[in-house]
Amino acid sequence: PGRLGNGCPDGSFRPKNPITRGEAAILVVKAVGTPVQTAGVHSLGSTWGNVTITSSGVTLRDTVVGGNLYITGGVDLGEITLENVTVLGEIVISDSIVLRNVNAPKLIVDNIPNQQISIRVEGDGVIEHTSVRTDAYLDDRTPAGYGLSKIALEGEDGLSLNLAGNVKEVTNLTPKSRIGVASGHVDTINVDEKATDSTLNIASGAEVDNVNLDVATSVTGDGDIGHLTVNAPGSTVTMLPDQITIRPGVEATI
């Protein structure tokens, strides 16, 4: 176990030696950190290290997590709530959740394939970067300047991301994927050159201020686009944006 802290007694680390059962147990304890295993309202105050929520029916409130916060799978939307929580590391979720007045530098959304995660964000917290690596539905109900500042769809090919509420900036980096704006308002959607063969659907009544296409993209729906920028050939857009900027030499069908 010494080499998991300050090394072995002789000062060496011996990284190629087989790990012992005791060392493996220490690794698990350090990774899990403080477990929350029972339903109900929990307030941990200021806790250093990681925190892991493994039970449904949990509300974690008025807590500062010095490490990462892990939410394991098997929880339905509304049964896990974070309220007035600050995480200094990353929030890693594998199931649906409500985030209310939550602050963190990064949120990672991941799960097994073909299982959608639902996330609702409320209040005045700020999560700077959100990495979506699974099918997901994000409902950001926070005002401008709060909520999920930057969202990136960056998982395996074929993912689907649906948006609602007051969404700020979204970048698609995933080939053969789909982004759908079901309702509400989005400041900016960027379709990166990596997101080949992807689609964007803006439903009737939904609005996107800025759509930037850096790769051929099919944009469908009856929603509204404020400013469309086309930087690559081969895009088709079914609605007429208020403003259109097309890079010289590029063709698109609007």
C-alpha atoms as a PDB file:
ATOM      1  CA  PRO A   1       0.000   0.000   0.000  1.00  0.00           C
ATOM      2  CA  GLY A   2       2.947   2.322   0.540  1.00  0.00           C
ATOM      3  CA  ARG A   3       3.535   2.754  -3.190  1.00  0.00           C
ATOM      4  CA  LEU A   4       0.001   4.189  -3.535  1.00  0.00           C
ATOM      5  CA  GLY A   5       1.022   7.039  -1.282  1.00  0.00           C
ATOM      6  CA  ASN A   6       4.681   7.919  -0.903  1.00  0.00           C
ATOM      7  CA  GLY A   7       6.150   4.781  -2.475  1.00  0.00           C
ATOM      8  CA  CYS A   8       7.572   1.626  -0.959  1.00  0.00           C
ATOM      9  CA  PRO A   9       9.560   1.644   2.299  1.00  0.00           C
ATOM     10  CA  ASP A  10      12.850   1.757   0.372  1.00  0.00           C
ATOM     11  CA  GLY A  11      11.667   4.855  -1.548  1.00  0.00           C
ATOM     12  CA  SER A  12      10.862   3.074  -4.838  1.00  0.00           C
ATOM     13  CA  PHE A  13       7.461   2.800  -6.561  1.00  0.00           C
ATOM     14  CA  ARG A  14       7.844  -0.537  -8.422  1.00  0.00           C
ATOM     15  CA  PRO A  15       5.017   0.160 -10.921  1.00  0.00           C
ATOM     16  CA  LYS A  16       5.510  -3.172 -12.744  1.00  0.00           C
ATOM     17  CA  ASN A  17       5.083  -5.338  -9.653  1.00  0.00           C
ATOM     18  CA  PRO A  18       1.748  -7.224  -9.329  1.00  0.00           C
ATOM     19  CA  ILE A  19      -0.759  -5.243  -7.267  1.00  0.00           C
ATOM     20  CA  THR A  20      -1.760  -6.793  -3.950  1.00  0.00           C
ATOM     21  CA  ARG A  21      -5.311  -7.222  -2.680  1.00  0.00           C
ATOM     22  CA  GLY A  22      -4.705  -4.518  -0.085  1.00  0.00           C
ATOM     23  CA  GLU A  23      -3.404  -2.084  -2.683  1.00  0.00           C
ATOM     24  CA  ALA A  24      -6.409  -2.767  -4.917  1.00  0.00           C
ATOM     25  CA  ALA A  25      -8.754  -2.079  -1.980  1.00  0.00           C
ATOM     26  CA  ILE A  26      -7.034   1.243  -1.319  1.00  0.00           C
ATOM     27  CA  LEU A  27      -7.392   2.223  -4.977  1.00  0.00           C
ATOM     28  CA  VAL A  28     -11.131   1.483  -4.875  1.00  0.00           C
ATOM     29  CA  VAL A  29     -11.622   3.444  -1.649  1.00  0.00           C
ATOM     30  CA  LYS A  30      -9.725   6.436  -3.025  1.00  0.00           C
ATOM     31  CA  ALA A  31     -11.692   6.367  -6.285  1.00  0.00           C
ATOM     32  CA  VAL A  32     -15.117   6.073  -4.625  1.00  0.00           C
ATOM     33  CA  GLY A  33     -14.291   8.464  -1.806  1.00  0.00           C
ATOM     34  CA  THR A  34     -17.347   9.217   0.336  1.00  0.00           C
ATOM     35  CA  PRO A  35     -20.251   6.950  -0.707  1.00  0.00           C
ATOM     36  CA  VAL A  36     -23.906   8.038  -0.548  1.00  0.00           C
ATOM     37  CA  GLN A  37     -25.778   4.743  -0.518  1.00  0.00           C
ATOM     38  CA  THR A  38     -29.194   5.478   1.011  1.00  0.00           C
ATOM     39  CA  ALA A  39     -32.198   7.456  -0.211  1.00  0.00           C
ATOM     40  CA  GLY A  40     -33.055  10.779   1.417  1.00  0.00           C
ATOM     41  CA  VAL A  41     -31.569  14.236   1.863  1.00  0.00           C
ATOM     42  CA  HIS A  42     -27.823  14.363   2.465  1.00  0.00           C
ATOM     43  CA  SER A  43     -25.632  17.343   3.307  1.00  0.00           C
ATOM     44  CA  LEU A  44     -21.911  16.640   3.510  1.00  0.00           C
ATOM     45  CA  GLY A  45     -20.639  20.173   4.130  1.00  0.00           C
ATOM     46  CA  SER A  46     -17.105  20.509   2.788  1.00  0.00           C
ATOM     47  CA  THR A  47     -15.618  17.144   1.932  1.00  0.00           C
ATOM     48  CA  TRP A  48     -12.213  16.586   0.327  1.00  0.00           C
ATOM     49  CA  GLY A  49     -11.755  13.769  -2.120  1.00  0.00           C
ATOM     50  CA  ASN A  50     -14.404  12.127  -4.293  1.00  0.00           C
ATOM     51  CA  VAL A  51     -18.076  11.473  -3.577  1.00  0.00           C
ATOM     52  CA  THR A  52     -20.090   8.662  -5.211  1.00  0.00           C
ATOM     53  CA  ILE A  53     -23.905   8.434  -5.233  1.00  0.00           C
ATOM     54  CA  THR A  54     -25.068   4.857  -5.762  1.00  0.00           C
ATOM     55  CA  SER A  55     -28.720   4.987  -4.646  1.00  0.00           C
ATOM     56  CA  SER A  56     -31.897   6.419  -6.158  1.00  0.00           C
ATOM     57  CA  GLY A  57     -34.052   8.845  -4.185  1.00  0.00           C
ATOM     58  CA  VAL A  58     -31.047  10.962  -3.144  1.00  0.00           C
ATOM     59  CA  THR A  59     -30.937  14.738  -2.752  1.00  0.00           C
ATOM     60  CA  LEU A  60     -27.418  16.016  -2.132  1.00  0.00           C
ATOM     61  CA  ARG A  61     -27.662  19.540  -0.734  1.00  0.00           C
ATOM     62  CA  ASP A  62     -25.385  22.311   0.570  1.00  0.00           C
ATOM     63  CA  THR A  63     -22.163  20.447  -0.165  1.00  0.00           C
ATOM     64  CA  VAL A  64     -18.704  21.282  -1.491  1.00  0.00           C
ATOM     65  CA  VAL A  65     -16.890  18.324  -3.070  1.00  0.00           C
ATOM     66  CA  GLY A  66     -13.135  18.768  -3.236  1.00  0.00           C
ATOM     67  CA  GLY A  67     -12.642  15.984  -5.812  1.00  0.00           C
ATOM     68  CA  ASN A  68     -14.981  14.411  -8.361  1.00  0.00           C
ATOM     69  CA  LEU A  69     -18.661  13.608  -7.928  1.00  0.00           C
ATOM     70  CA  TYR A  70     -19.836  10.334  -9.499  1.00  0.00           C
ATOM     71  CA  ILE A  71     -23.501   9.454 -10.147  1.00  0.00           C
ATOM     72  CA  THR A  72     -23.867   5.769 -11.018  1.00  0.00           C
ATOM     73  CA  GLY A  73     -26.467   4.199 -13.320  1.00  0.00           C
ATOM     74  CA  GLY A  74     -29.977   2.978 -12.489  1.00  0.00           C
ATOM     75  CA  VAL A  75     -31.548   6.268 -11.368  1.00  0.00           C
ATOM     76  CA  ASP A  76     -34.634   7.886 -12.963  1.00  0.00           C
ATOM     77  CA  LEU A  77     -35.011  11.621 -13.652  1.00  0.00           C
ATOM     78  CA  GLY A  78     -36.151  13.426 -10.508  1.00  0.00           C
ATOM     79  CA  GLU A  79     -34.896  10.758  -8.116  1.00  0.00           C
ATOM     80  CA  ILE A  80     -31.406  12.267  -7.934  1.00  0.00           C
ATOM     81  CA  THR A  81     -31.125  15.988  -7.248  1.00  0.00           C
ATOM     82  CA  LEU A  82     -28.078  18.130  -6.606  1.00  0.00           C
ATOM     83  CA  GLU A  83     -28.972  21.409  -4.915  1.00  0.00           C
ATOM     84  CA  ASN A  84     -26.539  24.141  -3.867  1.00  0.00           C
ATOM     85  CA  VAL A  85     -23.584  21.898  -4.666  1.00  0.00           C
ATOM     86  CA  THR A  86     -20.090  22.987  -5.749  1.00  0.00           C
ATOM     87  CA  VAL A  87     -17.712  20.425  -7.230  1.00  0.00           C
ATOM     88  CA  LEU A  88     -14.063  21.403  -7.613  1.00  0.00           C
ATOM     89  CA  GLY A  89     -13.280  18.430  -9.852  1.00  0.00           C
ATOM     90  CA  GLU A  90     -15.608  16.821 -12.401  1.00  0.00           C
ATOM     91  CA  ILE A  91     -19.205  15.634 -12.191  1.00  0.00           C
ATOM     92  CA  VAL A  92     -19.493  12.264 -13.940  1.00  0.00           C
ATOM     93  CA  ILE A  93     -23.036  11.009 -14.418  1.00  0.00           C
ATOM     94  CA  SER A  94     -24.316   7.741 -15.829  1.00  0.00           C
ATOM     95  CA  ASP A  95     -28.021   8.361 -15.340  1.00  0.00           C
ATOM     96  CA  SER A  96     -30.696  11.048 -15.254  1.00  0.00           C
ATOM     97  CA  ILE A  97     -30.499  13.907 -12.770  1.00  0.00           C
ATOM     98  CA  VAL A  98     -31.678  17.384 -11.766  1.00  0.00           C
ATOM     99  CA  LEU A  99     -28.976  20.018 -11.169  1.00  0.00           C
ATOM    100  CA  ARG A 100     -30.147  23.031  -9.151  1.00  0.00           C
ATOM    101  CA  ASN A 101     -27.665  25.793  -8.298  1.00  0.00           C
ATOM    102  CA  VAL A 102     -24.726  23.530  -9.140  1.00  0.00           C
ATOM    103  CA  ASN A 103     -21.231  24.828  -9.930  1.00  0.00           C
ATOM    104  CA  ALA A 104     -18.433  22.776 -11.502  1.00  0.00           C
ATOM    105  CA  PRO A 105     -15.706  23.201 -14.120  1.00  0.00           C
ATOM    106  CA  LYS A 106     -16.798  20.087 -16.056  1.00  0.00           C
ATOM    107  CA  LEU A 107     -19.728  17.700 -16.415  1.00  0.00           C
ATOM    108  CA  ILE A 108     -19.238  14.354 -18.189  1.00  0.00           C
ATOM    109  CA  VAL A 109     -22.376  12.556 -19.393  1.00  0.00           C
ATOM    110  CA  ASP A 110     -21.752   8.914 -20.244  1.00  0.00           C
ATOM    111  CA  ASN A 111     -23.637   5.631 -20.201  1.00  0.00           C
ATOM    112  CA  ILE A 112     -24.044   2.308 -21.968  1.00  0.00           C
ATOM    113  CA  PRO A 113     -25.001   2.562 -25.673  1.00  0.00           C
ATOM    114  CA  ASN A 114     -28.645   3.108 -26.686  1.00  0.00           C
ATOM    115  CA  GLN A 115     -29.732   4.395 -23.290  1.00  0.00           C
ATOM    116  CA  GLN A 116     -30.665   8.066 -23.066  1.00  0.00           C
ATOM    117  CA  ILE A 117     -29.789  10.252 -20.078  1.00  0.00           C
ATOM    118  CA  SER A 118     -32.057  13.160 -19.130  1.00  0.00           C
ATOM    119  CA  ILE A 119     -30.629  16.237 -17.398  1.00  0.00           C
ATOM    120  CA  ARG A 120     -32.534  19.253 -16.128  1.00  0.00           C
ATOM    121  CA  VAL A 121     -30.559  22.320 -15.033  1.00  0.00           C
ATOM    122  CA  GLU A 122     -32.106  25.037 -12.865  1.00  0.00           C
ATOM    123  CA  GLY A 123     -31.080  28.023 -10.738  1.00  0.00           C
ATOM    124  CA  ASP A 124     -27.988  30.197 -10.885  1.00  0.00           C
ATOM    125  CA  GLY A 125     -25.111  27.717 -10.963  1.00  0.00           C
ATOM    126  CA  VAL A 126     -22.529  27.534 -13.759  1.00  0.00           C
ATOM    127  CA  ILE A 127     -20.997  24.424 -15.322  1.00  0.00           C
ATOM    128  CA  GLU A 128     -18.289  25.597 -17.680  1.00  0.00           C
ATOM    129  CA  HIS A 129     -17.865  22.548 -19.950  1.00  0.00           C
ATOM    130  CA  THR A 130     -20.248  19.651 -20.577  1.00  0.00           C
ATOM    131  CA  SER A 131     -18.984  16.604 -22.479  1.00  0.00           C
ATOM    132  CA  VAL A 132     -21.833  14.430 -23.821  1.00  0.00           C
ATOM    133  CA  ARG A 133     -20.711  10.908 -24.760  1.00  0.00           C
ATOM    134  CA  THR A 134     -24.055   9.116 -24.904  1.00  0.00           C
ATOM    135  CA  ASP A 135     -27.596   9.744 -26.135  1.00  0.00           C
ATOM    136  CA  ALA A 136     -28.954  12.580 -24.018  1.00  0.00           C
ATOM    137  CA  TYR A 137     -31.772  15.057 -23.447  1.00  0.00           C
ATOM    138  CA  LEU A 138     -30.627  18.369 -21.921  1.00  0.00           C
ATOM    139  CA  ASP A 139     -33.172  20.853 -20.573  1.00  0.00           C
ATOM    140  CA  ASP A 140     -31.411  24.029 -19.426  1.00  0.00           C
ATOM    141  CA  ARG A 141     -33.877  26.249 -17.565  1.00  0.00           C
ATOM    142  CA  THR A 142     -31.317  28.759 -16.321  1.00  0.00           C
ATOM    143  CA  PRO A 143     -31.094  32.417 -17.461  1.00  0.00           C
ATOM    144  CA  ALA A 144     -28.353  33.835 -19.665  1.00  0.00           C
ATOM    145  CA  GLY A 145     -24.908  33.574 -18.090  1.00  0.00           C
ATOM    146  CA  TYR A 146     -25.793  30.507 -16.016  1.00  0.00           C
ATOM    147  CA  GLY A 147     -26.308  26.785 -16.545  1.00  0.00           C
ATOM    148  CA  LEU A 148     -24.326  24.781 -19.091  1.00  0.00           C
ATOM    149  CA  SER A 149     -21.943  27.284 -20.679  1.00  0.00           C
ATOM    150  CA  LYS A 150     -20.434  25.057 -23.399  1.00  0.00           C
ATOM    151  CA  ILE A 151     -21.751  21.666 -24.489  1.00  0.00           C
ATOM    152  CA  ALA A 152     -19.764  19.281 -26.718  1.00  0.00           C
ATOM    153  CA  LEU A 153     -21.211  16.151 -28.317  1.00  0.00           C
ATOM    154  CA  GLU A 154     -18.088  14.000 -28.547  1.00  0.00           C
ATOM    155  CA  GLY A 155     -18.860  10.309 -28.222  1.00  0.00           C
ATOM    156  CA  GLU A 156     -19.041   7.377 -30.631  1.00  0.00           C
ATOM    157  CA  ASP A 157     -20.631   7.660 -34.073  1.00  0.00           C
ATOM    158  CA  GLY A 158     -24.405   7.928 -34.298  1.00  0.00           C
ATOM    159  CA  LEU A 159     -25.240   9.718 -31.044  1.00  0.00           C
ATOM    160  CA  SER A 160     -28.407  11.768 -30.567  1.00  0.00           C
ATOM    161  CA  LEU A 161     -28.575  14.958 -28.471  1.00  0.00           C
ATOM    162  CA  ASN A 162     -31.913  16.697 -27.877  1.00  0.00           C
ATOM    163  CA  LEU A 163     -32.067  20.212 -26.437  1.00  0.00           C
ATOM    164  CA  ALA A 164     -34.688  22.330 -24.730  1.00  0.00           C
ATOM    165  CA  GLY A 165     -34.842  25.482 -22.627  1.00  0.00           C
ATOM    166  CA  ASN A 166     -32.300  28.296 -22.722  1.00  0.00           C
ATOM    167  CA  VAL A 167     -29.209  26.603 -24.175  1.00  0.00           C
ATOM    168  CA  LYS A 168     -25.985  28.540 -24.628  1.00  0.00           C
ATOM    169  CA  GLU A 169     -23.315  27.055 -26.954  1.00  0.00           C
ATOM    170  CA  VAL A 170     -23.274  23.559 -28.467  1.00  0.00           C
ATOM    171  CA  THR A 171     -20.531  22.008 -30.625  1.00  0.00           C
ATOM    172  CA  ASN A 172     -21.023  18.748 -32.491  1.00  0.00           C
ATOM    173  CA  LEU A 173     -17.811  16.700 -32.891  1.00  0.00           C
ATOM    174  CA  THR A 174     -19.441  13.317 -33.568  1.00  0.00           C
ATOM    175  CA  PRO A 175     -19.851  11.721 -37.026  1.00  0.00           C
ATOM    176  CA  LYS A 176     -23.283  10.433 -38.141  1.00  0.00           C
ATOM    177  CA  SER A 177     -24.925  12.107 -35.147  1.00  0.00           C
ATOM    178  CA  ARG A 178     -28.108  14.094 -34.687  1.00  0.00           C
ATOM    179  CA  ILE A 179     -28.773  17.263 -32.717  1.00  0.00           C
ATOM    180  CA  GLY A 180     -32.406  18.208 -32.208  1.00  0.00           C
ATOM    181  CA  VAL A 181     -33.690  21.496 -30.793  1.00  0.00           C
ATOM    182  CA  ALA A 182     -37.083  20.426 -29.467  1.00  0.00           C
ATOM    183  CA  SER A 183     -38.107  23.753 -27.951  1.00  0.00           C
ATOM    184  CA  GLY A 184     -36.752  26.966 -26.493  1.00  0.00           C
ATOM    185  CA  HIS A 185     -33.750  29.020 -27.532  1.00  0.00           C
ATOM    186  CA  VAL A 186     -30.115  28.216 -28.359  1.00  0.00           C
ATOM    187  CA  ASP A 187     -27.444  30.892 -28.651  1.00  0.00           C
ATOM    188  CA  THR A 188     -25.020  29.008 -30.928  1.00  0.00           C
ATOM    189  CA  ILE A 189     -24.734  25.605 -32.580  1.00  0.00           C
ATOM    190  CA  ASN A 190     -21.402  24.707 -34.200  1.00  0.00           C
ATOM    191  CA  VAL A 191     -21.134  21.661 -36.460  1.00  0.00           C
ATOM    192  CA  ASP A 192     -17.418  20.872 -36.480  1.00  0.00           C
ATOM    193  CA  GLU A 193     -15.614  19.410 -39.509  1.00  0.00           C
ATOM    194  CA  LYS A 194     -15.279  16.154 -37.520  1.00  0.00           C
ATOM    195  CA  ALA A 195     -19.083  15.726 -37.437  1.00  0.00           C
ATOM    196  CA  THR A 196     -19.396  14.247 -40.931  1.00  0.00           C
ATOM    197  CA  ASP A 197     -22.794  12.969 -42.112  1.00  0.00           C
ATOM    198  CA  SER A 198     -24.550  14.633 -39.172  1.00  0.00           C
ATOM    199  CA  THR A 199     -27.955  16.316 -39.047  1.00  0.00           C
ATOM    200  CA  LEU A 200     -29.515  19.224 -37.193  1.00  0.00           C
ATOM    201  CA  ASN A 201     -33.255  19.525 -36.634  1.00  0.00           C
ATOM    202  CA  ILE A 202     -34.867  22.699 -35.300  1.00  0.00           C
ATOM    203  CA  ALA A 203     -38.498  22.080 -34.394  1.00  0.00           C
ATOM    204  CA  SER A 204     -41.317  24.536 -35.001  1.00  0.00           C
ATOM    205  CA  GLY A 205     -41.258  27.309 -32.394  1.00  0.00           C
ATOM    206  CA  ALA A 206     -37.598  26.718 -31.474  1.00  0.00           C
ATOM    207  CA  GLU A 207     -34.974  29.392 -32.178  1.00  0.00           C
ATOM    208  CA  VAL A 208     -31.212  29.285 -32.771  1.00  0.00           C
ATOM    209  CA  ASP A 209     -29.396  32.621 -32.978  1.00  0.00           C
ATOM    210  CA  ASN A 210     -26.266  31.324 -34.745  1.00  0.00           C
ATOM    211  CA  VAL A 211     -25.688  28.129 -36.739  1.00  0.00           C
ATOM    212  CA  ASN A 212     -22.126  27.538 -38.007  1.00  0.00           C
ATOM    213  CA  LEU A 213     -21.581  24.676 -40.460  1.00  0.00           C
ATOM    214  CA  ASP A 214     -17.943  23.623 -40.940  1.00  0.00           C
ATOM    215  CA  VAL A 215     -18.911  20.383 -42.710  1.00  0.00           C
ATOM    216  CA  ALA A 216     -21.736  19.346 -45.043  1.00  0.00           C
ATOM    217  CA  THR A 217     -24.831  19.149 -42.848  1.00  0.00           C
ATOM    218  CA  SER A 218     -28.540  18.533 -43.344  1.00  0.00           C
ATOM    219  CA  VAL A 219     -30.533  21.133 -41.388  1.00  0.00           C
ATOM    220  CA  THR A 220     -34.262  20.397 -41.184  1.00  0.00           C
ATOM    221  CA  GLY A 221     -37.377  21.537 -39.332  1.00  0.00           C
ATOM    222  CA  ASP A 222     -39.649  24.564 -39.193  1.00  0.00           C
ATOM    223  CA  GLY A 223     -37.782  26.494 -36.495  1.00  0.00           C
ATOM    224  CA  ASP A 224     -35.967  29.809 -36.834  1.00  0.00           C
ATOM    225  CA  ILE A 225     -32.293  30.587 -37.470  1.00  0.00           C
ATOM    226  CA  GLY A 226     -30.982  34.085 -36.864  1.00  0.00           C
ATOM    227  CA  HIS A 227     -27.609  33.874 -38.631  1.00  0.00           C
ATOM    228  CA  LEU A 228     -26.424  30.925 -40.710  1.00  0.00           C
ATOM    229  CA  THR A 229     -22.710  30.624 -41.581  1.00  0.00           C
ATOM    230  CA  VAL A 230     -21.725  27.987 -44.157  1.00  0.00           C
ATOM    231  CA  ASN A 231     -17.994  27.202 -44.361  1.00  0.00           C
ATOM    232  CA  ALA A 232     -18.109  23.890 -46.259  1.00  0.00           C
ATOM    233  CA  PRO A 233     -19.907  22.704 -49.412  1.00  0.00           C
ATOM    234  CA  GLY A 234     -22.818  20.295 -49.556  1.00  0.00           C
ATOM    235  CA  SER A 235     -25.147  21.586 -46.832  1.00  0.00           C
ATOM    236  CA  THR A 236     -28.921  21.748 -47.223  1.00  0.00           C
ATOM    237  CA  VAL A 237     -31.130  23.940 -45.026  1.00  0.00           C
ATOM    238  CA  THR A 238     -34.930  23.732 -45.197  1.00  0.00           C
ATOM    239  CA  MET A 239     -35.717  27.063 -43.481  1.00  0.00           C
ATOM    240  CA  LEU A 240     -34.720  30.594 -44.517  1.00  0.00           C
ATOM    241  CA  PRO A 241     -32.458  32.240 -41.897  1.00  0.00           C
ATOM    242  CA  ASP A 242     -32.643  35.974 -41.197  1.00  0.00           C
ATOM    243  CA  GLN A 243     -29.000  36.342 -42.303  1.00  0.00           C
ATOM    244  CA  ILE A 244     -26.787  34.060 -44.397  1.00  0.00           C
ATOM    245  CA  THR A 245     -22.993  34.100 -44.717  1.00  0.00           C
ATOM    246  CA  ILE A 246     -21.480  31.651 -47.210  1.00  0.00           C
ATOM    247  CA  ARG A 247     -17.725  31.260 -47.535  1.00  0.00           C
ATOM    248  CA  PRO A 248     -16.464  32.216 -51.032  1.00  0.00           C
ATOM    249  CA  GLY A 249     -16.352  29.220 -53.341  1.00  0.00           C
ATOM    250  CA  VAL A 250     -18.803  27.206 -51.223  1.00  0.00           C
ATOM    251  CA  GLU A 251     -22.250  26.118 -52.424  1.00  0.00           C
ATOM    252  CA  ALA A 252     -25.247  25.327 -50.266  1.00  0.00           C
ATOM    253  CA  THR A 253     -28.951  24.790 -50.823  1.00  0.00           C
ATOM    254  CA  ILE A 254     -31.135  27.028 -48.632  1.00  0.00           C
END
